[in-house]
């Protein structure tokens, strides 16, 4: 645990949290508990339930990041978030942004579209499974000019990971946060959807390039990963954009997010088949 941590205050706050797990301020109590251990600028608690948009159930931090969360992230960008992609592969527990992002992420378009405007320099997230269709992300962000989480801080957060998971699960069970909406087959199959996107129009190599762009890889990182030259990457990207009638990577992100509305139970089918057959949106 953190050097100099006052265990008397920690235990008092933990007891207060346990006594308030069913109350509306339970997440604020959790925020206060974690803040005694480790500094962070923003905290967001997001509830993901299969087939519906995620909910921001608690937030403390800058208004600029909150607007990005509500206007961009929750509107669909979350499906490309490295934290989300870890959770849908059942890879739960404490994760940090610097540890789970692909090579070249900080030069890629996902970073430019969301992380750079938010000012996030690093992020630590507790990914907590709830049931077969739901999980919570408790995200702690460092905002520039704050430095990244140190190895020591990561280790301290890792030590309390089982406690945070148990508390989140208990709050979930006591506060009746389950959706009454019907379950739809999407987020547990999102990796399959990502792989099938564009497959009806693109070559295998073009698809490999596009999928990595969507996951935040830079052009150089794609070249390294596929063991091809960066000029070949750019050629495949150019050809893919032409086939998809796109002129920018930003348009690619939006096409992918929009096409999710056309996902069927068979997630191996390219959602663009249905999406491109829909009359032009007004």
C-alpha atoms as a PDB file:
ATOM      1  CA  UNK A   1       0.000   0.000   0.000  1.00  0.00           C
ATOM      2  CA  UNK A   2       1.041   3.656  -0.302  1.00  0.00           C
ATOM      3  CA  UNK A   3       3.837   4.854   1.935  1.00  0.00           C
ATOM      4  CA  UNK A   4       2.406   7.117   4.632  1.00  0.00           C
ATOM      5  CA  UNK A   5      -1.162   5.873   4.160  1.00  0.00           C
ATOM      6  CA  UNK A   6      -3.136   6.454   7.344  1.00  0.00           C
ATOM      7  CA  UNK A   7      -4.775   3.075   7.927  1.00  0.00           C
ATOM      8  CA  UNK A   8      -7.087   4.534  10.553  1.00  0.00           C
ATOM      9  CA  UNK A   9      -8.588   6.946   8.019  1.00  0.00           C
ATOM     10  CA  UNK A  10      -8.565   4.249   5.308  1.00  0.00           C
ATOM     11  CA  UNK A  11     -10.468   1.806   7.506  1.00  0.00           C
ATOM     12  CA  UNK A  12     -12.928   4.488   8.581  1.00  0.00           C
ATOM     13  CA  UNK A  13     -13.633   5.365   4.956  1.00  0.00           C
ATOM     14  CA  UNK A  14     -13.949   1.697   4.017  1.00  0.00           C
ATOM     15  CA  UNK A  15     -16.447   1.179   6.850  1.00  0.00           C
ATOM     16  CA  UNK A  16     -18.380   4.265   5.690  1.00  0.00           C
ATOM     17  CA  UNK A  17     -18.496   2.891   2.161  1.00  0.00           C
ATOM     18  CA  UNK A  18     -19.704  -0.524   3.314  1.00  0.00           C
ATOM     19  CA  UNK A  19     -22.509   1.163   5.237  1.00  0.00           C
ATOM     20  CA  UNK A  20     -23.525   3.254   2.196  1.00  0.00           C
ATOM     21  CA  UNK A  21     -23.402   0.652  -0.578  1.00  0.00           C
ATOM     22  CA  UNK A  22     -27.145   0.874  -1.179  1.00  0.00           C
ATOM     23  CA  UNK A  23     -27.249   4.685  -1.072  1.00  0.00           C
ATOM     24  CA  UNK A  24     -26.940   7.118  -4.008  1.00  0.00           C
ATOM     25  CA  UNK A  25     -23.571   8.390  -2.744  1.00  0.00           C
ATOM     26  CA  UNK A  26     -21.905   4.948  -2.761  1.00  0.00           C
ATOM     27  CA  UNK A  27     -19.777   5.806  -5.828  1.00  0.00           C
ATOM     28  CA  UNK A  28     -18.640   9.058  -4.247  1.00  0.00           C
ATOM     29  CA  UNK A  29     -17.601   7.100  -1.162  1.00  0.00           C
ATOM     30  CA  UNK A  30     -15.639   4.726  -3.419  1.00  0.00           C
ATOM     31  CA  UNK A  31     -13.995   7.722  -5.107  1.00  0.00           C
ATOM     32  CA  UNK A  32     -12.901   9.051  -1.707  1.00  0.00           C
ATOM     33  CA  UNK A  33     -11.520   5.659  -0.686  1.00  0.00           C
ATOM     34  CA  UNK A  34      -9.359   5.215  -3.790  1.00  0.00           C
ATOM     35  CA  UNK A  35      -8.187   8.841  -3.651  1.00  0.00           C
ATOM     36  CA  UNK A  36      -6.563   8.160  -0.273  1.00  0.00           C
ATOM     37  CA  UNK A  37      -4.308   5.642  -1.980  1.00  0.00           C
ATOM     38  CA  UNK A  38      -3.449   7.249  -5.311  1.00  0.00           C
ATOM     39  CA  UNK A  39      -3.772  10.642  -6.995  1.00  0.00           C
ATOM     40  CA  UNK A  40      -5.987  10.956 -10.075  1.00  0.00           C
ATOM     41  CA  UNK A  41      -7.600  13.995 -11.712  1.00  0.00           C
ATOM     42  CA  UNK A  42     -10.830  12.466 -13.070  1.00  0.00           C
ATOM     43  CA  UNK A  43     -12.886   9.410 -12.192  1.00  0.00           C
ATOM     44  CA  UNK A  44     -15.674   7.884 -14.265  1.00  0.00           C
ATOM     45  CA  UNK A  45     -17.742   4.813 -13.454  1.00  0.00           C
ATOM     46  CA  UNK A  46     -19.405   3.335 -16.527  1.00  0.00           C
ATOM     47  CA  UNK A  47     -21.939   0.527 -16.630  1.00  0.00           C
ATOM     48  CA  UNK A  48     -21.921  -1.673 -19.736  1.00  0.00           C
ATOM     49  CA  UNK A  49     -24.896  -3.919 -20.429  1.00  0.00           C
ATOM     50  CA  UNK A  50     -25.107  -5.988 -23.566  1.00  0.00           C
ATOM     51  CA  UNK A  51     -27.111  -4.554 -26.423  1.00  0.00           C
ATOM     52  CA  UNK A  52     -27.695  -1.063 -25.010  1.00  0.00           C
ATOM     53  CA  UNK A  53     -25.622   2.093 -24.739  1.00  0.00           C
ATOM     54  CA  UNK A  54     -23.420   2.276 -21.630  1.00  0.00           C
ATOM     55  CA  UNK A  55     -24.371   4.523 -18.723  1.00  0.00           C
ATOM     56  CA  UNK A  56     -22.147   7.038 -16.973  1.00  0.00           C
ATOM     57  CA  UNK A  57     -23.262   6.347 -13.410  1.00  0.00           C
ATOM     58  CA  UNK A  58     -20.661   8.480 -11.621  1.00  0.00           C
ATOM     59  CA  UNK A  59     -18.245  11.200 -12.692  1.00  0.00           C
ATOM     60  CA  UNK A  60     -15.913  13.682 -11.046  1.00  0.00           C
ATOM     61  CA  UNK A  61     -13.501  15.721 -13.086  1.00  0.00           C
ATOM     62  CA  UNK A  62     -13.143  18.292 -15.844  1.00  0.00           C
ATOM     63  CA  UNK A  63     -16.176  19.380 -17.836  1.00  0.00           C
ATOM     64  CA  UNK A  64     -14.170  19.080 -21.053  1.00  0.00           C
ATOM     65  CA  UNK A  65     -13.574  15.356 -20.558  1.00  0.00           C
ATOM     66  CA  UNK A  66     -17.151  14.807 -19.371  1.00  0.00           C
ATOM     67  CA  UNK A  67     -18.477  16.323 -22.600  1.00  0.00           C
ATOM     68  CA  UNK A  68     -16.224  14.029 -24.632  1.00  0.00           C
ATOM     69  CA  UNK A  69     -17.449  11.024 -22.638  1.00  0.00           C
ATOM     70  CA  UNK A  70     -21.122  11.854 -23.144  1.00  0.00           C
ATOM     71  CA  UNK A  71     -20.939  13.237 -26.692  1.00  0.00           C
ATOM     72  CA  UNK A  72     -18.370  10.936 -28.318  1.00  0.00           C
ATOM     73  CA  UNK A  73     -17.465   7.958 -26.141  1.00  0.00           C
ATOM     74  CA  UNK A  74     -20.975   6.895 -25.105  1.00  0.00           C
ATOM     75  CA  UNK A  75     -22.285   7.620 -28.593  1.00  0.00           C
ATOM     76  CA  UNK A  76     -20.383   4.634 -29.954  1.00  0.00           C
ATOM     77  CA  UNK A  77     -16.641   5.239 -29.774  1.00  0.00           C
ATOM     78  CA  UNK A  78     -16.490   3.030 -26.664  1.00  0.00           C
ATOM     79  CA  UNK A  79     -16.529  -0.098 -28.825  1.00  0.00           C
ATOM     80  CA  UNK A  80     -12.984   0.755 -29.971  1.00  0.00           C
ATOM     81  CA  UNK A  81     -11.713   1.636 -26.489  1.00  0.00           C
ATOM     82  CA  UNK A  82      -8.836  -0.656 -25.402  1.00  0.00           C
ATOM     83  CA  UNK A  83     -10.474  -1.067 -21.969  1.00  0.00           C
ATOM     84  CA  UNK A  84     -13.760  -2.127 -23.551  1.00  0.00           C
ATOM     85  CA  UNK A  85     -12.030  -4.532 -25.928  1.00  0.00           C
ATOM     86  CA  UNK A  86     -10.255  -6.177 -22.981  1.00  0.00           C
ATOM     87  CA  UNK A  87     -13.537  -6.620 -21.111  1.00  0.00           C
ATOM     88  CA  UNK A  88     -15.411  -8.206 -24.019  1.00  0.00           C
ATOM     89  CA  UNK A  89     -12.595 -10.761 -24.208  1.00  0.00           C
ATOM     90  CA  UNK A  90     -13.164 -11.506 -20.489  1.00  0.00           C
ATOM     91  CA  UNK A  91      -9.845  -9.907 -19.602  1.00  0.00           C
ATOM     92  CA  UNK A  92     -10.942  -8.239 -16.379  1.00  0.00           C
ATOM     93  CA  UNK A  93      -9.049  -6.656 -13.488  1.00  0.00           C
ATOM     94  CA  UNK A  94      -6.881  -3.555 -13.262  1.00  0.00           C
ATOM     95  CA  UNK A  95      -5.529  -2.257 -16.569  1.00  0.00           C
ATOM     96  CA  UNK A  96      -3.603   0.881 -17.466  1.00  0.00           C
ATOM     97  CA  UNK A  97      -3.770   2.652 -20.813  1.00  0.00           C
ATOM     98  CA  UNK A  98      -0.021   2.496 -21.367  1.00  0.00           C
ATOM     99  CA  UNK A  99      -0.062  -1.277 -20.829  1.00  0.00           C
ATOM    100  CA  UNK A 100      -2.996  -2.291 -23.077  1.00  0.00           C
ATOM    101  CA  UNK A 101      -2.751   0.005 -26.099  1.00  0.00           C
ATOM    102  CA  UNK A 102      -1.238  -1.284 -29.349  1.00  0.00           C
ATOM    103  CA  UNK A 103       2.120  -0.086 -30.575  1.00  0.00           C
ATOM    104  CA  UNK A 104       1.793   3.323 -32.177  1.00  0.00           C
ATOM    105  CA  UNK A 105      -1.497   4.071 -30.403  1.00  0.00           C
ATOM    106  CA  UNK A 106      -0.375   7.569 -29.437  1.00  0.00           C
ATOM    107  CA  UNK A 107       0.254   8.397 -33.099  1.00  0.00           C
ATOM    108  CA  UNK A 108      -3.039   6.870 -34.258  1.00  0.00           C
ATOM    109  CA  UNK A 109      -6.431   8.363 -34.984  1.00  0.00           C
ATOM    110  CA  UNK A 110      -8.315   6.912 -32.007  1.00  0.00           C
ATOM    111  CA  UNK A 111      -5.902   8.805 -29.768  1.00  0.00           C
ATOM    112  CA  UNK A 112      -6.359  12.009 -31.793  1.00  0.00           C
ATOM    113  CA  UNK A 113     -10.147  11.670 -31.838  1.00  0.00           C
ATOM    114  CA  UNK A 114     -10.715  11.099 -28.118  1.00  0.00           C
ATOM    115  CA  UNK A 115      -7.708  10.866 -25.821  1.00  0.00           C
ATOM    116  CA  UNK A 116      -5.798  13.895 -27.071  1.00  0.00           C
ATOM    117  CA  UNK A 117      -8.767  16.330 -26.878  1.00  0.00           C
ATOM    118  CA  UNK A 118      -9.573  15.045 -23.375  1.00  0.00           C
ATOM    119  CA  UNK A 119      -6.055  15.837 -22.166  1.00  0.00           C
ATOM    120  CA  UNK A 120      -5.673  12.339 -20.690  1.00  0.00           C
ATOM    121  CA  UNK A 121      -2.022  11.477 -20.161  1.00  0.00           C
ATOM    122  CA  UNK A 122      -2.701   8.076 -18.576  1.00  0.00           C
ATOM    123  CA  UNK A 123      -5.659   6.034 -17.392  1.00  0.00           C
ATOM    124  CA  UNK A 124      -6.059   3.180 -14.936  1.00  0.00           C
ATOM    125  CA  UNK A 125      -9.256   1.189 -15.079  1.00  0.00           C
ATOM    126  CA  UNK A 126     -10.796  -1.464 -12.859  1.00  0.00           C
ATOM    127  CA  UNK A 127     -12.741  -3.796 -15.183  1.00  0.00           C
ATOM    128  CA  UNK A 128     -15.313  -5.617 -13.055  1.00  0.00           C
ATOM    129  CA  UNK A 129     -17.552  -8.449 -14.344  1.00  0.00           C
ATOM    130  CA  UNK A 130     -21.133  -8.363 -13.068  1.00  0.00           C
ATOM    131  CA  UNK A 131     -23.028 -11.097 -14.891  1.00  0.00           C
ATOM    132  CA  UNK A 132     -22.866 -12.807 -18.278  1.00  0.00           C
ATOM    133  CA  UNK A 133     -23.990  -9.630 -20.043  1.00  0.00           C
ATOM    134  CA  UNK A 134     -22.673  -6.753 -17.913  1.00  0.00           C
ATOM    135  CA  UNK A 135     -19.511  -5.197 -16.513  1.00  0.00           C
ATOM    136  CA  UNK A 136     -18.326  -1.977 -14.890  1.00  0.00           C
ATOM    137  CA  UNK A 137     -15.348   0.177 -15.800  1.00  0.00           C
ATOM    138  CA  UNK A 138     -14.107   2.321 -12.932  1.00  0.00           C
ATOM    139  CA  UNK A 139     -11.695   4.638 -14.724  1.00  0.00           C
ATOM    140  CA  UNK A 140      -9.084   6.857 -13.057  1.00  0.00           C
ATOM    141  CA  UNK A 141      -7.512   9.458 -15.357  1.00  0.00           C
ATOM    142  CA  UNK A 142      -4.418  11.572 -15.134  1.00  0.00           C
ATOM    143  CA  UNK A 143      -4.874  14.821 -17.076  1.00  0.00           C
ATOM    144  CA  UNK A 144      -1.909  16.701 -18.553  1.00  0.00           C
ATOM    145  CA  UNK A 145       0.420  17.959 -17.155  1.00  0.00           C
ATOM    146  CA  UNK A 146       0.038  15.130 -14.610  1.00  0.00           C
ATOM    147  CA  UNK A 147       2.539  12.314 -15.162  1.00  0.00           C
ATOM    148  CA  UNK A 148       1.676   8.704 -15.926  1.00  0.00           C
ATOM    149  CA  UNK A 149       0.959   6.220 -13.170  1.00  0.00           C
ATOM    150  CA  UNK A 150       4.246   4.887 -11.837  1.00  0.00           C
ATOM    151  CA  UNK A 151       4.991   1.183 -11.486  1.00  0.00           C
ATOM    152  CA  UNK A 152       4.666   1.603  -7.714  1.00  0.00           C
ATOM    153  CA  UNK A 153       1.237   3.221  -8.059  1.00  0.00           C
ATOM    154  CA  UNK A 154       0.091   0.499 -10.448  1.00  0.00           C
ATOM    155  CA  UNK A 155       1.181  -2.110  -7.931  1.00  0.00           C
ATOM    156  CA  UNK A 156      -0.731  -0.342  -5.161  1.00  0.00           C
ATOM    157  CA  UNK A 157      -3.889  -0.212  -7.289  1.00  0.00           C
ATOM    158  CA  UNK A 158      -3.407  -3.847  -8.243  1.00  0.00           C
ATOM    159  CA  UNK A 159      -3.361  -4.790  -4.572  1.00  0.00           C
ATOM    160  CA  UNK A 160      -6.826  -3.310  -4.005  1.00  0.00           C
ATOM    161  CA  UNK A 161      -8.279  -4.667  -7.266  1.00  0.00           C
ATOM    162  CA  UNK A 162     -10.140  -7.583  -5.567  1.00  0.00           C
ATOM    163  CA  UNK A 163     -11.605  -5.156  -3.010  1.00  0.00           C
ATOM    164  CA  UNK A 164     -12.764  -2.672  -5.669  1.00  0.00           C
ATOM    165  CA  UNK A 165     -14.307  -5.508  -7.708  1.00  0.00           C
ATOM    166  CA  UNK A 166     -16.210  -6.849  -4.699  1.00  0.00           C
ATOM    167  CA  UNK A 167     -17.492  -3.371  -3.793  1.00  0.00           C
ATOM    168  CA  UNK A 168     -18.647  -2.624  -7.361  1.00  0.00           C
ATOM    169  CA  UNK A 169     -20.419  -5.968  -7.560  1.00  0.00           C
ATOM    170  CA  UNK A 170     -22.121  -5.362  -4.214  1.00  0.00           C
ATOM    171  CA  UNK A 171     -23.290  -1.871  -5.182  1.00  0.00           C
ATOM    172  CA  UNK A 172     -24.601  -3.321  -8.452  1.00  0.00           C
ATOM    173  CA  UNK A 173     -26.605  -5.982  -6.626  1.00  0.00           C
ATOM    174  CA  UNK A 174     -28.002  -3.567  -4.018  1.00  0.00           C
ATOM    175  CA  UNK A 175     -28.913  -0.644  -6.272  1.00  0.00           C
ATOM    176  CA  UNK A 176     -30.898  -2.561  -8.904  1.00  0.00           C
ATOM    177  CA  UNK A 177     -28.921  -1.151 -11.828  1.00  0.00           C
ATOM    178  CA  UNK A 178     -29.923  -3.901 -14.250  1.00  0.00           C
ATOM    179  CA  UNK A 179     -31.570  -2.755 -17.452  1.00  0.00           C
ATOM    180  CA  UNK A 180     -35.187  -3.656 -18.124  1.00  0.00           C
ATOM    181  CA  UNK A 181     -34.519  -3.464 -21.861  1.00  0.00           C
ATOM    182  CA  UNK A 182     -34.292  -6.716 -23.835  1.00  0.00           C
ATOM    183  CA  UNK A 183     -30.811  -8.134 -24.310  1.00  0.00           C
ATOM    184  CA  UNK A 184     -29.479  -7.796 -27.842  1.00  0.00           C
ATOM    185  CA  UNK A 185     -26.500  -9.733 -29.240  1.00  0.00           C
ATOM    186  CA  UNK A 186     -23.754  -7.176 -29.580  1.00  0.00           C
ATOM    187  CA  UNK A 187     -20.991  -6.451 -27.183  1.00  0.00           C
ATOM    188  CA  UNK A 188     -19.866  -9.973 -26.302  1.00  0.00           C
ATOM    189  CA  UNK A 189     -19.318 -10.488 -30.049  1.00  0.00           C
ATOM    190  CA  UNK A 190     -17.814  -7.075 -30.826  1.00  0.00           C
ATOM    191  CA  UNK A 191     -14.413  -8.575 -31.672  1.00  0.00           C
ATOM    192  CA  UNK A 192     -16.061 -10.722 -34.367  1.00  0.00           C
ATOM    193  CA  UNK A 193     -17.894  -7.655 -35.688  1.00  0.00           C
ATOM    194  CA  UNK A 194     -14.624  -5.736 -35.864  1.00  0.00           C
ATOM    195  CA  UNK A 195     -13.012  -8.538 -37.857  1.00  0.00           C
ATOM    196  CA  UNK A 196     -15.957  -8.907 -40.238  1.00  0.00           C
ATOM    197  CA  UNK A 197     -16.315  -5.167 -40.932  1.00  0.00           C
ATOM    198  CA  UNK A 198     -15.608  -4.475 -44.606  1.00  0.00           C
ATOM    199  CA  UNK A 199     -14.928  -8.112 -45.483  1.00  0.00           C
ATOM    200  CA  UNK A 200     -17.579  -8.104 -48.223  1.00  0.00           C
ATOM    201  CA  UNK A 201     -15.785  -5.319 -50.120  1.00  0.00           C
ATOM    202  CA  UNK A 202     -12.105  -5.492 -49.191  1.00  0.00           C
ATOM    203  CA  UNK A 203      -9.264  -7.917 -49.787  1.00  0.00           C
ATOM    204  CA  UNK A 204      -7.911  -9.788 -46.771  1.00  0.00           C
ATOM    205  CA  UNK A 205      -4.892  -7.485 -46.554  1.00  0.00           C
ATOM    206  CA  UNK A 206      -6.990  -4.333 -46.903  1.00  0.00           C
ATOM    207  CA  UNK A 207      -9.236  -5.624 -44.115  1.00  0.00           C
ATOM    208  CA  UNK A 208      -6.241  -6.289 -41.870  1.00  0.00           C
ATOM    209  CA  UNK A 209      -5.064  -2.708 -42.357  1.00  0.00           C
ATOM    210  CA  UNK A 210      -8.535  -1.212 -41.752  1.00  0.00           C
ATOM    211  CA  UNK A 211      -9.120  -3.270 -38.611  1.00  0.00           C
ATOM    212  CA  UNK A 212      -5.844  -2.078 -37.119  1.00  0.00           C
ATOM    213  CA  UNK A 213      -6.624   1.542 -37.963  1.00  0.00           C
ATOM    214  CA  UNK A 214      -9.909   1.171 -36.087  1.00  0.00           C
ATOM    215  CA  UNK A 215      -8.092  -0.240 -33.056  1.00  0.00           C
ATOM    216  CA  UNK A 216      -5.763   2.743 -32.905  1.00  0.00           C
ATOM    217  CA  UNK A 217      -2.622   1.527 -34.675  1.00  0.00           C
ATOM    218  CA  UNK A 218      -0.473   4.097 -36.468  1.00  0.00           C
ATOM    219  CA  UNK A 219       0.634   3.426 -40.055  1.00  0.00           C
ATOM    220  CA  UNK A 220       4.136   2.495 -38.890  1.00  0.00           C
ATOM    221  CA  UNK A 221       2.732   0.167 -36.216  1.00  0.00           C
ATOM    222  CA  UNK A 222       0.587  -1.569 -38.859  1.00  0.00           C
ATOM    223  CA  UNK A 223       3.641  -1.994 -41.086  1.00  0.00           C
ATOM    224  CA  UNK A 224       5.611  -3.504 -38.216  1.00  0.00           C
ATOM    225  CA  UNK A 225       2.771  -5.786 -37.148  1.00  0.00           C
ATOM    226  CA  UNK A 226       2.057  -7.110 -40.647  1.00  0.00           C
ATOM    227  CA  UNK A 227       5.740  -7.104 -41.638  1.00  0.00           C
ATOM    228  CA  UNK A 228       5.193  -4.980 -44.719  1.00  0.00           C
ATOM    229  CA  UNK A 229       6.494  -1.549 -45.736  1.00  0.00           C
ATOM    230  CA  UNK A 230       4.742   1.616 -44.642  1.00  0.00           C
ATOM    231  CA  UNK A 231       4.209   2.491 -48.323  1.00  0.00           C
ATOM    232  CA  UNK A 232       2.355  -0.802 -48.770  1.00  0.00           C
ATOM    233  CA  UNK A 233       0.203   0.049 -45.748  1.00  0.00           C
ATOM    234  CA  UNK A 234      -0.645   3.412 -47.270  1.00  0.00           C
ATOM    235  CA  UNK A 235      -1.512   1.766 -50.598  1.00  0.00           C
ATOM    236  CA  UNK A 236      -3.863  -0.733 -48.938  1.00  0.00           C
ATOM    237  CA  UNK A 237      -5.431   2.095 -46.929  1.00  0.00           C
ATOM    238  CA  UNK A 238      -5.921   4.198 -50.079  1.00  0.00           C
ATOM    239  CA  UNK A 239      -7.528   1.293 -51.950  1.00  0.00           C
ATOM    240  CA  UNK A 240      -9.779   0.453 -48.980  1.00  0.00           C
ATOM    241  CA  UNK A 241     -10.952   4.046 -48.649  1.00  0.00           C
ATOM    242  CA  UNK A 242     -11.756   4.154 -52.358  1.00  0.00           C
ATOM    243  CA  UNK A 243     -13.847   0.970 -52.123  1.00  0.00           C
ATOM    244  CA  UNK A 244     -15.673   2.275 -49.026  1.00  0.00           C
ATOM    245  CA  UNK A 245     -16.105   5.749 -50.606  1.00  0.00           C
ATOM    246  CA  UNK A 246     -14.226   7.420 -47.753  1.00  0.00           C
ATOM    247  CA  UNK A 247     -11.790  10.308 -47.778  1.00  0.00           C
ATOM    248  CA  UNK A 248     -10.465  10.268 -44.204  1.00  0.00           C
ATOM    249  CA  UNK A 249      -9.851   8.062 -41.196  1.00  0.00           C
ATOM    250  CA  UNK A 250     -12.393  10.086 -39.245  1.00  0.00           C
ATOM    251  CA  UNK A 251     -15.040   9.037 -41.795  1.00  0.00           C
ATOM    252  CA  UNK A 252     -13.909   5.427 -41.344  1.00  0.00           C
ATOM    253  CA  UNK A 253     -14.518   5.618 -37.582  1.00  0.00           C
ATOM    254  CA  UNK A 254     -17.981   7.043 -38.108  1.00  0.00           C
ATOM    255  CA  UNK A 255     -18.877   4.464 -40.764  1.00  0.00           C
ATOM    256  CA  UNK A 256     -17.873   1.636 -38.429  1.00  0.00           C
ATOM    257  CA  UNK A 257     -19.838   3.089 -35.518  1.00  0.00           C
ATOM    258  CA  UNK A 258     -22.909   3.730 -37.687  1.00  0.00           C
ATOM    259  CA  UNK A 259     -22.756   0.217 -39.155  1.00  0.00           C
ATOM    260  CA  UNK A 260     -23.113  -1.346 -35.690  1.00  0.00           C
ATOM    261  CA  UNK A 261     -26.822  -0.605 -35.887  1.00  0.00           C
ATOM    262  CA  UNK A 262     -26.978  -3.192 -38.675  1.00  0.00           C
ATOM    263  CA  UNK A 263     -25.290  -6.025 -36.767  1.00  0.00           C
ATOM    264  CA  UNK A 264     -27.275  -9.253 -36.880  1.00  0.00           C
ATOM    265  CA  UNK A 265     -27.097 -12.309 -34.655  1.00  0.00           C
ATOM    266  CA  UNK A 266     -24.577 -13.716 -37.112  1.00  0.00           C
ATOM    267  CA  UNK A 267     -21.689 -11.408 -36.249  1.00  0.00           C
ATOM    268  CA  UNK A 268     -19.455 -13.044 -38.863  1.00  0.00           C
ATOM    269  CA  UNK A 269     -21.477 -11.271 -41.563  1.00  0.00           C
ATOM    270  CA  UNK A 270     -20.097  -7.897 -42.640  1.00  0.00           C
ATOM    271  CA  UNK A 271     -22.436  -5.232 -41.165  1.00  0.00           C
ATOM    272  CA  UNK A 272     -21.719  -3.075 -44.222  1.00  0.00           C
ATOM    273  CA  UNK A 273     -23.864  -5.388 -46.341  1.00  0.00           C
ATOM    274  CA  UNK A 274     -26.961  -4.168 -44.518  1.00  0.00           C
ATOM    275  CA  UNK A 275     -25.663  -0.695 -43.751  1.00  0.00           C
ATOM    276  CA  UNK A 276     -24.912   0.235 -47.372  1.00  0.00           C
ATOM    277  CA  UNK A 277     -28.291  -1.068 -48.539  1.00  0.00           C
ATOM    278  CA  UNK A 278     -30.133   1.324 -46.207  1.00  0.00           C
ATOM    279  CA  UNK A 279     -31.428   4.454 -47.977  1.00  0.00           C
ATOM    280  CA  UNK A 280     -29.210   7.461 -47.462  1.00  0.00           C
ATOM    281  CA  UNK A 281     -29.768   9.060 -44.065  1.00  0.00           C
ATOM    282  CA  UNK A 282     -31.225  12.537 -43.976  1.00  0.00           C
END
